[in-house]
C-alpha atoms as a PDB file:
ATOM      1  CA  MET A   1      11.065   4.852  40.276  1.00  0.00           C
ATOM      2  CA  CYS A   2      10.396   8.217  38.682  1.00  0.00           C
ATOM      3  CA  VAL A   3       8.055   8.647  35.702  1.00  0.00           C
ATOM      4  CA  ALA A   4      10.877   9.381  33.271  1.00  0.00           C
ATOM      5  CA  ALA A   5      12.723   6.263  34.411  1.00  0.00           C
ATOM      6  CA  LYS A   6       9.571   4.191  33.850  1.00  0.00           C
ATOM      7  CA  ARG A   7       9.242   5.630  30.363  1.00  0.00           C
ATOM      8  CA  LYS A   8      12.816   4.579  29.614  1.00  0.00           C
ATOM      9  CA  LYS A   9      12.350   1.245  31.454  1.00  0.00           C
ATOM     10  CA  ILE A  10      15.138   2.051  33.881  1.00  0.00           C
ATOM     11  CA  THR A  11      14.924   0.023  37.056  1.00  0.00           C
ATOM     12  CA  LEU A  12      17.228   2.055  39.286  1.00  0.00           C
ATOM     13  CA  GLY A  13      16.053   3.446  42.608  1.00  0.00           C
ATOM     14  CA  LYS A  14      13.141   2.800  44.912  1.00  0.00           C
ATOM     15  CA  PRO A  15       9.484   3.179  43.934  1.00  0.00           C
ATOM     16  CA  GLY A  16       8.431   6.811  44.225  1.00  0.00           C
ATOM     17  CA  ALA A  17      12.011   8.069  44.374  1.00  0.00           C
ATOM     18  CA  ALA A  18      12.956  11.356  42.771  1.00  0.00           C
ATOM     19  CA  CYS A  19      14.779  11.188  39.457  1.00  0.00           C
ATOM     20  CA  SER A  20      18.529  11.528  39.525  1.00  0.00           C
ATOM     21  CA  ASP A  21      20.847  12.737  36.768  1.00  0.00           C
ATOM     22  CA  ALA A  22      21.760   9.106  36.130  1.00  0.00           C
ATOM     23  CA  GLN A  23      18.105   8.257  35.483  1.00  0.00           C
ATOM     24  CA  VAL A  24      17.092  11.253  33.386  1.00  0.00           C
ATOM     25  CA  SER A  25      19.347  12.691  30.753  1.00  0.00           C
ATOM     26  CA  ASP A  26      16.712  13.894  28.298  1.00  0.00           C
ATOM     27  CA  ILE A  27      15.816  17.363  29.578  1.00  0.00           C
ATOM     28  CA  ARG A  28      13.807  18.956  26.788  1.00  0.00           C
ATOM     29  CA  SER A  29      15.435  21.562  24.619  1.00  0.00           C
ATOM     30  CA  PRO A  30      13.939  25.045  24.950  1.00  0.00           C
ATOM     31  CA  CYS A  31      13.881  25.348  21.148  1.00  0.00           C
ATOM     32  CA  THR A  32      10.643  26.884  19.866  1.00  0.00           C
ATOM     33  CA  GLY A  33      11.371  26.423  16.167  1.00  0.00           C
ATOM     34  CA  VAL A  34      11.920  30.177  15.668  1.00  0.00           C
ATOM     35  CA  CYS A  35      15.603  29.910  14.834  1.00  0.00           C
ATOM     36  CA  ARG A  36      16.894  33.398  14.097  1.00  0.00           C
ATOM     37  CA  ILE A  37      19.821  35.053  15.816  1.00  0.00           C
ATOM     38  CA  ASP A  38      19.407  38.645  16.996  1.00  0.00           C
ATOM     39  CA  PRO A  39      22.458  40.526  15.650  1.00  0.00           C
ATOM     40  CA  ARG A  40      22.551  42.793  18.712  1.00  0.00           C
ATOM     41  CA  THR A  41      22.278  40.256  21.549  1.00  0.00           C
ATOM     42  CA  LYS A  42      23.535  37.182  19.642  1.00  0.00           C
ATOM     43  CA  TRP A  43      20.629  35.218  21.151  1.00  0.00           C
ATOM     44  CA  CYS A  44      18.139  33.099  19.248  1.00  0.00           C
ATOM     45  CA  LEU A  45      14.869  35.011  18.942  1.00  0.00           C
ATOM     46  CA  GLY A  46      12.901  31.857  19.766  1.00  0.00           C
ATOM     47  CA  CYS A  47      14.680  30.279  22.721  1.00  0.00           C
ATOM     48  CA  ARG A  48      17.116  33.058  23.734  1.00  0.00           C
ATOM     49  CA  ARG A  49      20.110  30.700  23.689  1.00  0.00           C
ATOM     50  CA  THR A  50      23.457  31.629  22.164  1.00  0.00           C
ATOM     51  CA  LEU A  51      24.818  29.674  19.209  1.00  0.00           C
ATOM     52  CA  ALA A  52      27.299  27.985  21.562  1.00  0.00           C
ATOM     53  CA  GLU A  53      24.496  26.940  23.937  1.00  0.00           C
ATOM     54  CA  ILE A  54      22.470  25.574  21.029  1.00  0.00           C
ATOM     55  CA  ALA A  55      25.446  23.631  19.648  1.00  0.00           C
ATOM     56  CA  ASP A  56      26.459  22.293  23.075  1.00  0.00           C
ATOM     57  CA  TRP A  57      22.946  21.214  24.159  1.00  0.00           C
ATOM     58  CA  PRO A  58      23.144  17.548  23.042  1.00  0.00           C
ATOM     59  CA  ARG A  59      26.426  17.065  24.920  1.00  0.00           C
ATOM     60  CA  LEU A  60      25.541  18.915  28.125  1.00  0.00           C
ATOM     61  CA  SER A  61      24.943  17.006  31.333  1.00  0.00           C
ATOM     62  CA  PRO A  62      21.519  17.364  32.952  1.00  0.00           C
ATOM     63  CA  LYS A  63      23.125  19.800  35.417  1.00  0.00           C
ATOM     64  CA  GLY A  64      24.532  21.838  32.524  1.00  0.00           C
ATOM     65  CA  LYS A  65      21.157  21.888  30.770  1.00  0.00           C
ATOM     66  CA  ARG A  66      19.436  23.088  33.933  1.00  0.00           C
ATOM     67  CA  ALA A  67      22.050  25.853  34.239  1.00  0.00           C
ATOM     68  CA  VAL A  68      21.335  27.007  30.666  1.00  0.00           C
ATOM     69  CA  LEU A  69      17.582  26.944  31.314  1.00  0.00           C
ATOM     70  CA  ALA A  70      18.017  28.968  34.509  1.00  0.00           C
ATOM     71  CA  GLY A  71      20.007  31.594  32.616  1.00  0.00           C
ATOM     72  CA  LEU A  72      17.311  31.920  29.949  1.00  0.00           C
ATOM     73  CA  ALA A  73      14.821  33.277  32.449  1.00  0.00           C
ATOM     74  CA  ALA A  74      17.003  36.373  32.926  1.00  0.00           C
ATOM     75  CA  ARG A  75      17.126  36.934  29.151  1.00  0.00           C
ATOM     76  CA  LYS A  76      13.366  37.147  28.682  1.00  0.00           C
ATOM     77  CA  GLY A  77      11.981  40.578  28.108  1.00  0.00           C
END
């Protein structure tokens, strides 16, 4: 069982198994608490997400959250 599953007391999977989307749905938000939108890029100055990405975050699947996080790396700088 993965660490996150233990934390949530989920008993799916074999000991030492990697976490699956079914086991872990709480991927941390990239929010930094600096919540201001850049008028030019329309990205948050803290986390670089768009308003739509920020609003959608709680409803995104783990796969969707990972896709947003992967896109943020290209927005840095």
